[in-house]
C-alpha atoms as a PDB file:
ATOM      1  CA  MET A   1      93.802 -30.674   3.679  1.00  0.00           C
ATOM      2  CA  MET A   2      91.993 -34.042   3.494  1.00  0.00           C
ATOM      3  CA  MET A   3      92.580 -36.159   0.425  1.00  0.00           C
ATOM      4  CA  GLU A   4      89.607 -38.126  -0.897  1.00  0.00           C
ATOM      5  CA  VAL A   5      90.281 -41.843  -0.975  1.00  0.00           C
ATOM      6  CA  PRO A   6      88.853 -43.541  -4.062  1.00  0.00           C
ATOM      7  CA  GLN A   7      86.194 -46.192  -3.542  1.00  0.00           C
ATOM      8  CA  CYS A   8      87.293 -49.621  -4.721  1.00  0.00           C
ATOM      9  CA  VAL A   9      84.892 -51.535  -6.932  1.00  0.00           C
ATOM     10  CA  GLU A  10      84.590 -55.306  -6.946  1.00  0.00           C
ATOM     11  CA  VAL A  11      83.219 -57.010 -10.035  1.00  0.00           C
ATOM     12  CA  SER A  12      82.627 -60.685 -10.672  1.00  0.00           C
ATOM     13  CA  TYR A  13      84.559 -62.568 -13.334  1.00  0.00           C
ATOM     14  CA  GLU A  14      81.483 -62.556 -15.608  1.00  0.00           C
ATOM     15  CA  ASP A  15      80.922 -58.827 -15.151  1.00  0.00           C
ATOM     16  CA  ALA A  16      84.617 -58.163 -15.770  1.00  0.00           C
ATOM     17  CA  GLN A  17      84.434 -60.048 -19.064  1.00  0.00           C
ATOM     18  CA  CYS A  18      81.343 -58.090 -20.120  1.00  0.00           C
ATOM     19  CA  LEU A  19      82.912 -54.761 -19.141  1.00  0.00           C
ATOM     20  CA  MET A  20      86.098 -55.500 -21.055  1.00  0.00           C
ATOM     21  CA  LYS A  21      84.173 -56.644 -24.139  1.00  0.00           C
ATOM     22  CA  ILE A  22      81.982 -53.523 -24.184  1.00  0.00           C
ATOM     23  CA  ALA A  23      85.032 -51.308 -23.641  1.00  0.00           C
ATOM     24  CA  GLN A  24      86.924 -53.031 -26.461  1.00  0.00           C
ATOM     25  CA  SER A  25      83.999 -52.873 -28.874  1.00  0.00           C
ATOM     26  CA  GLU A  26      82.946 -49.297 -28.054  1.00  0.00           C
ATOM     27  CA  ALA A  27      86.297 -47.643 -27.302  1.00  0.00           C
ATOM     28  CA  GLY A  28      89.056 -49.943 -28.523  1.00  0.00           C
ATOM     29  CA  ASN A  29      90.829 -46.986 -30.103  1.00  0.00           C
ATOM     30  CA  GLN A  30      90.482 -44.712 -27.054  1.00  0.00           C
ATOM     31  CA  GLY A  31      93.210 -46.099 -24.800  1.00  0.00           C
ATOM     32  CA  VAL A  32      92.889 -47.005 -21.136  1.00  0.00           C
ATOM     33  CA  ASP A  33      91.086 -43.794 -20.172  1.00  0.00           C
ATOM     34  CA  GLY A  34      88.461 -44.053 -22.910  1.00  0.00           C
ATOM     35  CA  MET A  35      87.791 -47.690 -22.134  1.00  0.00           C
ATOM     36  CA  ALA A  36      87.523 -46.976 -18.404  1.00  0.00           C
ATOM     37  CA  LEU A  37      84.967 -44.239 -19.104  1.00  0.00           C
ATOM     38  CA  VAL A  38      82.823 -46.719 -21.043  1.00  0.00           C
ATOM     39  CA  MET A  39      83.068 -49.209 -18.173  1.00  0.00           C
ATOM     40  CA  GLN A  40      82.186 -46.488 -15.657  1.00  0.00           C
ATOM     41  CA  THR A  41      79.130 -45.556 -17.720  1.00  0.00           C
ATOM     42  CA  VAL A  42      77.896 -49.158 -17.647  1.00  0.00           C
ATOM     43  CA  LEU A  43      78.489 -49.470 -13.902  1.00  0.00           C
ATOM     44  CA  ASN A  44      76.691 -46.176 -13.266  1.00  0.00           C
ATOM     45  CA  ARG A  45      73.673 -47.522 -15.139  1.00  0.00           C
ATOM     46  CA  VAL A  46      73.725 -50.695 -13.054  1.00  0.00           C
ATOM     47  CA  GLU A  47      73.543 -48.530  -9.921  1.00  0.00           C
ATOM     48  CA  ASP A  48      70.767 -46.291 -11.333  1.00  0.00           C
ATOM     49  CA  GLU A  49      67.222 -47.492 -10.656  1.00  0.00           C
ATOM     50  CA  ASP A  50      66.141 -46.395 -14.156  1.00  0.00           C
ATOM     51  CA  TYR A  51      68.295 -49.077 -15.797  1.00  0.00           C
ATOM     52  CA  PRO A  52      68.739 -52.841 -15.446  1.00  0.00           C
ATOM     53  CA  ASN A  53      70.672 -53.965 -12.376  1.00  0.00           C
ATOM     54  CA  THR A  54      73.261 -56.245 -13.972  1.00  0.00           C
ATOM     55  CA  VAL A  55      76.185 -55.428 -16.247  1.00  0.00           C
ATOM     56  CA  TYR A  56      75.042 -57.765 -19.014  1.00  0.00           C
ATOM     57  CA  ASP A  57      71.447 -56.526 -18.841  1.00  0.00           C
ATOM     58  CA  VAL A  58      72.615 -52.912 -19.175  1.00  0.00           C
ATOM     59  CA  ILE A  59      74.789 -53.788 -22.176  1.00  0.00           C
ATOM     60  CA  SER A  60      72.021 -55.780 -23.899  1.00  0.00           C
ATOM     61  CA  GLN A  61      69.172 -53.380 -23.041  1.00  0.00           C
ATOM     62  CA  LYS A  62      66.771 -52.376 -25.801  1.00  0.00           C
ATOM     63  CA  LEU A  63      64.689 -49.226 -25.971  1.00  0.00           C
ATOM     64  CA  GLY A  64      61.908 -50.019 -28.383  1.00  0.00           C
ATOM     65  CA  ASP A  65      63.569 -51.455 -31.474  1.00  0.00           C
ATOM     66  CA  TYR A  66      67.032 -50.111 -30.649  1.00  0.00           C
ATOM     67  CA  TYR A  67      69.812 -51.427 -28.463  1.00  0.00           C
ATOM     68  CA  MET A  68      71.388 -48.919 -26.103  1.00  0.00           C
ATOM     69  CA  PHE A  69      74.906 -49.928 -27.210  1.00  0.00           C
ATOM     70  CA  GLN A  70      75.642 -49.921 -30.932  1.00  0.00           C
ATOM     71  CA  SER A  71      78.324 -52.576 -30.610  1.00  0.00           C
ATOM     72  CA  TYR A  72      75.816 -54.975 -29.068  1.00  0.00           C
ATOM     73  CA  ALA A  73      73.379 -54.309 -31.903  1.00  0.00           C
ATOM     74  CA  ASN A  74      75.884 -54.786 -34.724  1.00  0.00           C
ATOM     75  CA  GLY A  75      77.590 -57.873 -33.281  1.00  0.00           C
ATOM     76  CA  THR A  76      80.944 -56.222 -32.510  1.00  0.00           C
ATOM     77  CA  TYR A  77      80.458 -56.880 -28.787  1.00  0.00           C
ATOM     78  CA  ALA A  78      79.934 -60.614 -29.355  1.00  0.00           C
ATOM     79  CA  LYS A  79      83.180 -60.861 -31.344  1.00  0.00           C
ATOM     80  CA  ALA A  80      85.266 -58.601 -29.081  1.00  0.00           C
ATOM     81  CA  ILE A  81      88.483 -59.971 -27.630  1.00  0.00           C
ATOM     82  CA  PRO A  82      89.671 -57.662 -24.843  1.00  0.00           C
ATOM     83  CA  CYS A  83      93.148 -56.229 -25.391  1.00  0.00           C
ATOM     84  CA  ALA A  84      95.739 -55.467 -22.719  1.00  0.00           C
ATOM     85  CA  ASP A  85      94.405 -51.907 -22.342  1.00  0.00           C
ATOM     86  CA  CYS A  86      90.976 -53.349 -21.417  1.00  0.00           C
ATOM     87  CA  HIS A  87      92.571 -55.232 -18.546  1.00  0.00           C
ATOM     88  CA  LEU A  88      94.389 -52.077 -17.436  1.00  0.00           C
ATOM     89  CA  ALA A  89      91.167 -50.055 -17.652  1.00  0.00           C
ATOM     90  CA  LEU A  90      89.337 -52.626 -15.543  1.00  0.00           C
ATOM     91  CA  ALA A  91      92.132 -52.529 -12.966  1.00  0.00           C
ATOM     92  CA  GLU A  92      91.765 -48.740 -12.762  1.00  0.00           C
ATOM     93  CA  ILE A  93      87.998 -49.092 -12.317  1.00  0.00           C
ATOM     94  CA  GLU A  94      88.498 -51.645  -9.547  1.00  0.00           C
ATOM     95  CA  LYS A  95      91.022 -49.368  -7.796  1.00  0.00           C
ATOM     96  CA  GLY A  96      88.479 -46.545  -7.882  1.00  0.00           C
ATOM     97  CA  THR A  97      90.566 -44.306 -10.121  1.00  0.00           C
ATOM     98  CA  TYR A  98      87.497 -43.535 -12.232  1.00  0.00           C
ATOM     99  CA  SER A  99      84.838 -42.720  -9.709  1.00  0.00           C
ATOM    100  CA  ASP A 100      82.661 -40.322 -11.693  1.00  0.00           C
ATOM    101  CA  ASP A 101      79.233 -41.605 -10.768  1.00  0.00           C
ATOM    102  CA  THR A 102      77.490 -38.961 -12.869  1.00  0.00           C
ATOM    103  CA  ILE A 103      78.195 -40.161 -16.427  1.00  0.00           C
ATOM    104  CA  ILE A 104      75.272 -42.201 -17.660  1.00  0.00           C
ATOM    105  CA  ALA A 105      75.521 -42.218 -21.459  1.00  0.00           C
ATOM    106  CA  PHE A 106      77.869 -41.659 -24.369  1.00  0.00           C
ATOM    107  CA  GLU A 107      77.770 -41.521 -28.141  1.00  0.00           C
ATOM    108  CA  VAL A 108      80.076 -40.854 -31.062  1.00  0.00           C
ATOM    109  CA  THR A 109      81.387 -37.291 -30.929  1.00  0.00           C
ATOM    110  CA  GLY A 110      79.419 -34.830 -32.984  1.00  0.00           C
ATOM    111  CA  THR A 111      76.214 -36.864 -33.064  1.00  0.00           C
ATOM    112  CA  ARG A 112      74.590 -35.047 -30.134  1.00  0.00           C
ATOM    113  CA  SER A 113      71.387 -37.084 -30.502  1.00  0.00           C
ATOM    114  CA  LEU A 114      71.325 -37.648 -26.732  1.00  0.00           C
ATOM    115  CA  ASP A 115      70.972 -33.929 -25.929  1.00  0.00           C
ATOM    116  CA  LYS A 116      67.196 -34.323 -25.643  1.00  0.00           C
ATOM    117  CA  TYR A 117      67.579 -36.967 -22.924  1.00  0.00           C
ATOM    118  CA  PHE A 118      70.768 -36.019 -21.058  1.00  0.00           C
ATOM    119  CA  PHE A 119      73.077 -33.100 -20.283  1.00  0.00           C
ATOM    120  CA  TYR A 120      76.295 -33.014 -22.291  1.00  0.00           C
ATOM    121  CA  ALA A 121      79.220 -33.322 -19.854  1.00  0.00           C
ATOM    122  CA  PHE A 122      82.470 -33.664 -21.835  1.00  0.00           C
ATOM    123  CA  THR A 123      84.172 -35.183 -24.833  1.00  0.00           C
ATOM    124  CA  TYR A 124      86.907 -37.780 -24.602  1.00  0.00           C
ATOM    125  CA  GLY A 125      88.432 -39.123 -27.790  1.00  0.00           C
ATOM    126  CA  ASP A 126      85.646 -40.104 -30.166  1.00  0.00           C
ATOM    127  CA  HIS A 127      82.862 -39.972 -27.561  1.00  0.00           C
ATOM    128  CA  ASP A 128      80.618 -37.347 -26.014  1.00  0.00           C
ATOM    129  CA  PHE A 129      79.651 -38.249 -22.444  1.00  0.00           C
ATOM    130  CA  TYR A 130      76.413 -37.238 -20.723  1.00  0.00           C
ATOM    131  CA  THR A 131      74.858 -36.956 -17.277  1.00  0.00           C
ATOM    132  CA  GLU A 132      71.206 -37.245 -16.203  1.00  0.00           C
ATOM    133  CA  LYS A 133      68.878 -34.291 -16.764  1.00  0.00           C
END
């Protein structure tokens, strides 16, 4: 039986800082796994032609009058100081531990406002995660 080898991901220092800040501000209470899922969502958007092609541009993207990430809109992202778990989550992302390239969005669990745009995939902690329709 062949074992799949995870793909390693390289991110610049600037991108790493942005990923850790968004993970801290969106999922600071979700542990390493929750923060890594947020980071993976951002990276998946960077790779998707329907979204901006840089980490910061994905995080700061607006759709009409609304920012795509609540923590960017309310200033939590700007004030975020990444904790140790953010660094661990980033290390897991870079090792390829989280290689789900299908998750493209998330929101607070129970909101389900993204159902009209995406397919619900799973819930982790306080977030529902989605894939493209």
